[in-house]
Structures are given as C-alpha cells and as structure tokens.
Amino acid sequence: MDIPGVKLTPTQTRIMRLLADGLPHHGKTEIKPLLPDGELAGPTAVRFHMSKLREKLVGRGETIICEIHNNRICYRYVILVSAPAQVPGK
C-alpha cells in the first residue's frame, strides 16, 4: 500500500498492505512473519514497527489502533474523521 508523501520501508509496506482492509482481525501472529526476522523477532518487535508507522501517519489524519478481540491483541488501520490539525479552534 503506497501512501502519497510518506516514505515507507519494505517492512512497513508489507504491514500496511495487510492492514489496508481496515478490519480488526490482524494480530501479532499475522504480522510477525512480515518482519525481517519473521518468527524469530522479539516480543516487542511488532509494537516497535506499529509505533514507527503511527509516527509517519500522525499528521495525515490516519493511524493504527490496537484493539482486543477474542482475548487477543489486534491492529487496525483507520482514517480519523477529524484529524487534530482540522479541529476548529486548534
């Protein structure tokens, strides 16, 4: 998934392609194989990559949210209705 004006690493591109459907069913087990070390990645590797992606999306009114579904952590890519820069009075 290409985001105009945002330079993504190959790993971030793979993660964004997975999250592009906007559904909340993408857990660590689906994301870990997309990382450079795959299943050998450490326990905080997914969280690190999600944080870096959020940093790149912050000014665009987009983000990746973390939700709990069926007792597991899932990630979802969302476009915010009102980005902070678009809120009147701010």
N, C-alpha and C. Protein backbone atom coordinates (compact mmCIF):
# COMPACT_ATOMS: atom_id res chain seq x y z
N MET A 1 0.85 -1.17 0.00
CA MET A 1 0.00 0.00 0.00
C MET A 1 0.89 1.23 0.00
N ASP A 2 0.74 2.05 -1.00
CA ASP A 2 1.50 3.29 -1.07
C ASP A 2 0.69 4.43 -0.48
N ILE A 3 1.36 5.24 0.33
CA ILE A 3 0.72 6.41 0.92
C ILE A 3 1.42 7.62 0.34
N PRO A 4 0.72 8.44 -0.44
CA PRO A 4 1.36 9.61 -1.06
C PRO A 4 2.03 10.51 -0.02
N GLY A 5 3.27 10.86 -0.28
CA GLY A 5 4.00 11.75 0.61
C GLY A 5 4.63 11.09 1.82
N VAL A 6 4.49 9.78 1.95
CA VAL A 6 5.06 9.06 3.10
C VAL A 6 5.99 7.98 2.56
N LYS A 7 7.25 8.03 3.00
CA LYS A 7 8.22 7.02 2.58
C LYS A 7 8.20 5.88 3.59
N LEU A 8 7.80 4.69 3.13
CA LEU A 8 7.73 3.52 3.99
C LEU A 8 8.87 2.57 3.68
N THR A 9 9.35 1.88 4.70
CA THR A 9 10.35 0.84 4.50
C THR A 9 9.64 -0.37 3.88
N PRO A 10 10.39 -1.33 3.32
CA PRO A 10 9.74 -2.53 2.79
C PRO A 10 8.90 -3.27 3.84
N THR A 11 9.39 -3.33 5.07
CA THR A 11 8.62 -3.99 6.14
C THR A 11 7.34 -3.23 6.42
N GLN A 12 7.41 -1.91 6.50
CA GLN A 12 6.22 -1.10 6.75
C GLN A 12 5.22 -1.23 5.61
N THR A 13 5.72 -1.33 4.38
CA THR A 13 4.83 -1.52 3.23
C THR A 13 4.08 -2.84 3.34
N ARG A 14 4.78 -3.90 3.72
CA ARG A 14 4.12 -5.21 3.88
C ARG A 14 3.05 -5.15 4.97
N ILE A 15 3.36 -4.49 6.07
CA ILE A 15 2.38 -4.39 7.17
C ILE A 15 1.17 -3.58 6.72
N MET A 16 1.39 -2.46 6.03
CA MET A 16 0.27 -1.62 5.59
C MET A 16 -0.60 -2.35 4.57
N ARG A 17 -0.01 -3.18 3.72
CA ARG A 17 -0.82 -3.97 2.78
C ARG A 17 -1.73 -4.92 3.53
N LEU A 18 -1.23 -5.51 4.60
CA LEU A 18 -2.06 -6.41 5.41
C LEU A 18 -3.18 -5.64 6.10
N LEU A 19 -2.86 -4.48 6.65
CA LEU A 19 -3.84 -3.70 7.41
C LEU A 19 -4.81 -2.90 6.54
N ALA A 20 -4.58 -2.84 5.25
CA ALA A 20 -5.35 -1.97 4.36
C ALA A 20 -6.84 -2.27 4.32
N ASP A 21 -7.26 -3.46 4.69
CA ASP A 21 -8.70 -3.77 4.65
C ASP A 21 -9.48 -3.11 5.78
N GLY A 22 -8.78 -2.58 6.80
CA GLY A 22 -9.44 -1.87 7.89
C GLY A 22 -10.14 -2.76 8.90
N LEU A 23 -10.00 -4.06 8.78
CA LEU A 23 -10.65 -4.98 9.71
C LEU A 23 -9.76 -5.23 10.93
N PRO A 24 -10.37 -5.52 12.08
CA PRO A 24 -9.60 -5.66 13.33
C PRO A 24 -9.12 -7.07 13.62
N HIS A 25 -8.89 -7.86 12.60
CA HIS A 25 -8.53 -9.25 12.87
C HIS A 25 -7.05 -9.55 12.68
N HIS A 26 -6.24 -8.53 12.53
CA HIS A 26 -4.82 -8.75 12.28
C HIS A 26 -4.03 -8.71 13.59
N GLY A 27 -3.64 -9.87 14.06
CA GLY A 27 -2.90 -9.96 15.31
C GLY A 27 -1.41 -10.14 15.07
N LYS A 28 -0.68 -10.28 16.15
CA LYS A 28 0.77 -10.43 16.07
C LYS A 28 1.17 -11.66 15.26
N THR A 29 0.35 -12.72 15.32
CA THR A 29 0.70 -13.94 14.58
C THR A 29 0.67 -13.72 13.08
N GLU A 30 -0.14 -12.78 12.60
CA GLU A 30 -0.19 -12.47 11.17
C GLU A 30 0.89 -11.47 10.78
N ILE A 31 1.27 -10.60 11.71
CA ILE A 31 2.21 -9.53 11.40
C ILE A 31 3.66 -9.98 11.54
N LYS A 32 3.95 -10.84 12.52
CA LYS A 32 5.33 -11.27 12.77
C LYS A 32 6.03 -11.85 11.53
N PRO A 33 5.37 -12.69 10.72
CA PRO A 33 6.06 -13.22 9.52
C PRO A 33 6.46 -12.15 8.51
N LEU A 34 5.86 -10.96 8.60
CA LEU A 34 6.20 -9.87 7.68
C LEU A 34 7.45 -9.11 8.10
N LEU A 35 7.91 -9.34 9.33
CA LEU A 35 9.09 -8.64 9.85
C LEU A 35 10.36 -9.28 9.32
N PRO A 36 11.47 -8.53 9.29
CA PRO A 36 12.72 -9.08 8.75
C PRO A 36 13.16 -10.38 9.40
N ASP A 37 12.97 -10.52 10.72
CA ASP A 37 13.38 -11.74 11.41
C ASP A 37 12.26 -12.77 11.49
N GLY A 38 11.09 -12.42 10.96
CA GLY A 38 9.97 -13.35 10.95
C GLY A 38 9.60 -13.83 12.33
N GLU A 39 9.42 -15.12 12.45
CA GLU A 39 9.01 -15.70 13.73
C GLU A 39 10.08 -15.58 14.80
N LEU A 40 11.30 -15.27 14.43
CA LEU A 40 12.38 -15.11 15.41
C LEU A 40 12.40 -13.72 16.03
N ALA A 41 11.55 -12.83 15.54
CA ALA A 41 11.52 -11.46 16.06
C ALA A 41 11.16 -11.48 17.54
N GLY A 42 11.72 -10.54 18.27
CA GLY A 42 11.49 -10.46 19.72
C GLY A 42 10.05 -10.10 20.05
N PRO A 43 9.69 -10.18 21.33
CA PRO A 43 8.32 -9.95 21.76
C PRO A 43 7.83 -8.51 21.55
N THR A 44 8.73 -7.55 21.43
CA THR A 44 8.30 -6.16 21.24
C THR A 44 8.48 -5.68 19.80
N ALA A 45 8.86 -6.56 18.89
CA ALA A 45 9.14 -6.16 17.51
C ALA A 45 7.90 -5.61 16.80
N VAL A 46 6.76 -6.25 16.98
CA VAL A 46 5.54 -5.78 16.32
C VAL A 46 5.17 -4.40 16.86
N ARG A 47 5.23 -4.24 18.17
CA ARG A 47 4.91 -2.95 18.78
C ARG A 47 5.85 -1.84 18.27
N PHE A 48 7.12 -2.15 18.10
CA PHE A 48 8.09 -1.18 17.58
C PHE A 48 7.69 -0.72 16.17
N HIS A 49 7.38 -1.66 15.30
CA HIS A 49 7.01 -1.31 13.93
C HIS A 49 5.69 -0.54 13.88
N MET A 50 4.74 -0.88 14.74
CA MET A 50 3.48 -0.15 14.78
C MET A 50 3.72 1.30 15.23
N SER A 51 4.60 1.49 16.20
CA SER A 51 4.91 2.84 16.68
C SER A 51 5.54 3.67 15.57
N LYS A 52 6.46 3.08 14.82
CA LYS A 52 7.11 3.80 13.73
C LYS A 52 6.11 4.14 12.62
N LEU A 53 5.18 3.24 12.34
CA LEU A 53 4.15 3.53 11.34
C LEU A 53 3.23 4.66 11.81
N ARG A 54 2.85 4.63 13.08
CA ARG A 54 2.00 5.70 13.62
C ARG A 54 2.69 7.06 13.51
N GLU A 55 3.99 7.10 13.77
CA GLU A 55 4.74 8.36 13.65
C GLU A 55 4.64 8.93 12.23
N LYS A 56 4.68 8.06 11.24
CA LYS A 56 4.62 8.51 9.86
C LYS A 56 3.21 8.93 9.45
N LEU A 57 2.19 8.39 10.12
CA LEU A 57 0.80 8.67 9.76
C LEU A 57 0.19 9.82 10.57
N VAL A 58 0.84 10.25 11.62
CA VAL A 58 0.25 11.16 12.60
C VAL A 58 -0.29 12.46 12.00
N GLY A 59 0.40 13.07 11.09
CA GLY A 59 -0.05 14.35 10.55
C GLY A 59 -1.03 14.23 9.39
N ARG A 60 -1.37 13.02 9.02
CA ARG A 60 -2.23 12.78 7.85
C ARG A 60 -3.67 12.45 8.22
N GLY A 61 -4.00 12.41 9.50
CA GLY A 61 -5.34 12.04 9.91
C GLY A 61 -5.58 10.54 9.79
N GLU A 62 -4.50 9.77 9.89
CA GLU A 62 -4.57 8.31 9.82
C GLU A 62 -3.79 7.74 10.99
N THR A 63 -4.13 6.52 11.40
CA THR A 63 -3.39 5.89 12.48
C THR A 63 -3.63 4.38 12.44
N ILE A 64 -2.94 3.70 13.31
CA ILE A 64 -3.15 2.26 13.52
C ILE A 64 -3.57 2.12 14.97
N ILE A 65 -4.73 1.55 15.18
CA ILE A 65 -5.22 1.38 16.55
C ILE A 65 -5.04 -0.06 16.99
N CYS A 66 -4.94 -0.21 18.28
CA CYS A 66 -4.78 -1.52 18.91
C CYS A 66 -6.09 -1.84 19.61
N GLU A 67 -6.64 -3.01 19.34
CA GLU A 67 -7.90 -3.43 19.95
C GLU A 67 -7.74 -4.85 20.49
N ILE A 68 -8.64 -5.22 21.36
CA ILE A 68 -8.65 -6.60 21.86
C ILE A 68 -9.91 -7.27 21.35
N HIS A 69 -9.72 -8.36 20.61
CA HIS A 69 -10.82 -9.16 20.07
C HIS A 69 -10.58 -10.61 20.45
N ASN A 70 -11.57 -11.22 21.06
CA ASN A 70 -11.46 -12.63 21.45
C ASN A 70 -10.18 -12.91 22.23
N ASN A 71 -9.90 -12.04 23.18
CA ASN A 71 -8.74 -12.17 24.08
C ASN A 71 -7.40 -12.14 23.38
N ARG A 72 -7.32 -11.46 22.24
CA ARG A 72 -6.01 -11.28 21.59
C ARG A 72 -5.89 -9.85 21.08
N ILE A 73 -4.66 -9.36 21.04
CA ILE A 73 -4.39 -8.01 20.58
C ILE A 73 -4.42 -7.99 19.05
N CYS A 74 -5.19 -7.07 18.50
CA CYS A 74 -5.32 -6.92 17.05
C CYS A 74 -5.04 -5.48 16.66
N TYR A 75 -4.62 -5.29 15.43
CA TYR A 75 -4.31 -3.96 14.92
C TYR A 75 -5.23 -3.64 13.75
N ARG A 76 -5.60 -2.34 13.65
CA ARG A 76 -6.47 -1.89 12.57
C ARG A 76 -5.99 -0.53 12.07
N TYR A 77 -5.92 -0.38 10.76
CA TYR A 77 -5.57 0.89 10.12
C TYR A 77 -6.87 1.68 9.95
N VAL A 78 -6.88 2.92 10.42
CA VAL A 78 -8.09 3.74 10.32
C VAL A 78 -7.74 5.14 9.83
N ILE A 79 -8.73 5.75 9.19
CA ILE A 79 -8.64 7.16 8.82
C ILE A 79 -9.54 7.90 9.79
N LEU A 80 -8.98 8.87 10.49
CA LEU A 80 -9.73 9.59 11.51
C LEU A 80 -10.72 10.55 10.87
N VAL A 81 -11.88 10.69 11.49
CA VAL A 81 -12.90 11.60 10.98
C VAL A 81 -12.42 13.03 11.08
N SER A 82 -11.77 13.36 12.17
CA SER A 82 -11.29 14.72 12.37
C SER A 82 -9.86 14.66 12.91
N ALA A 83 -8.92 14.97 12.05
CA ALA A 83 -7.52 14.98 12.46
C ALA A 83 -7.26 16.19 13.34
N PRO A 84 -6.30 16.15 14.27
CA PRO A 84 -6.04 17.27 15.18
C PRO A 84 -5.85 18.61 14.46
N ALA A 85 -5.19 18.61 13.31
CA ALA A 85 -4.95 19.85 12.60
C ALA A 85 -6.22 20.40 11.97
N GLN A 86 -7.27 19.60 11.86
CA GLN A 86 -8.51 20.01 11.22
C GLN A 86 -9.58 20.42 12.22
N VAL A 87 -9.33 20.25 13.50
CA VAL A 87 -10.33 20.60 14.52
C VAL A 87 -10.40 22.12 14.67
N PRO A 88 -11.58 22.70 14.51
CA PRO A 88 -11.70 24.16 14.65
C PRO A 88 -11.23 24.63 16.03
N GLY A 89 -10.52 25.73 16.06
CA GLY A 89 -10.08 26.30 17.32
C GLY A 89 -8.75 25.76 17.80
N LYS A 90 -8.12 24.88 17.05
CA LYS A 90 -6.81 24.34 17.46
C LYS A 90 -5.76 24.71 16.47
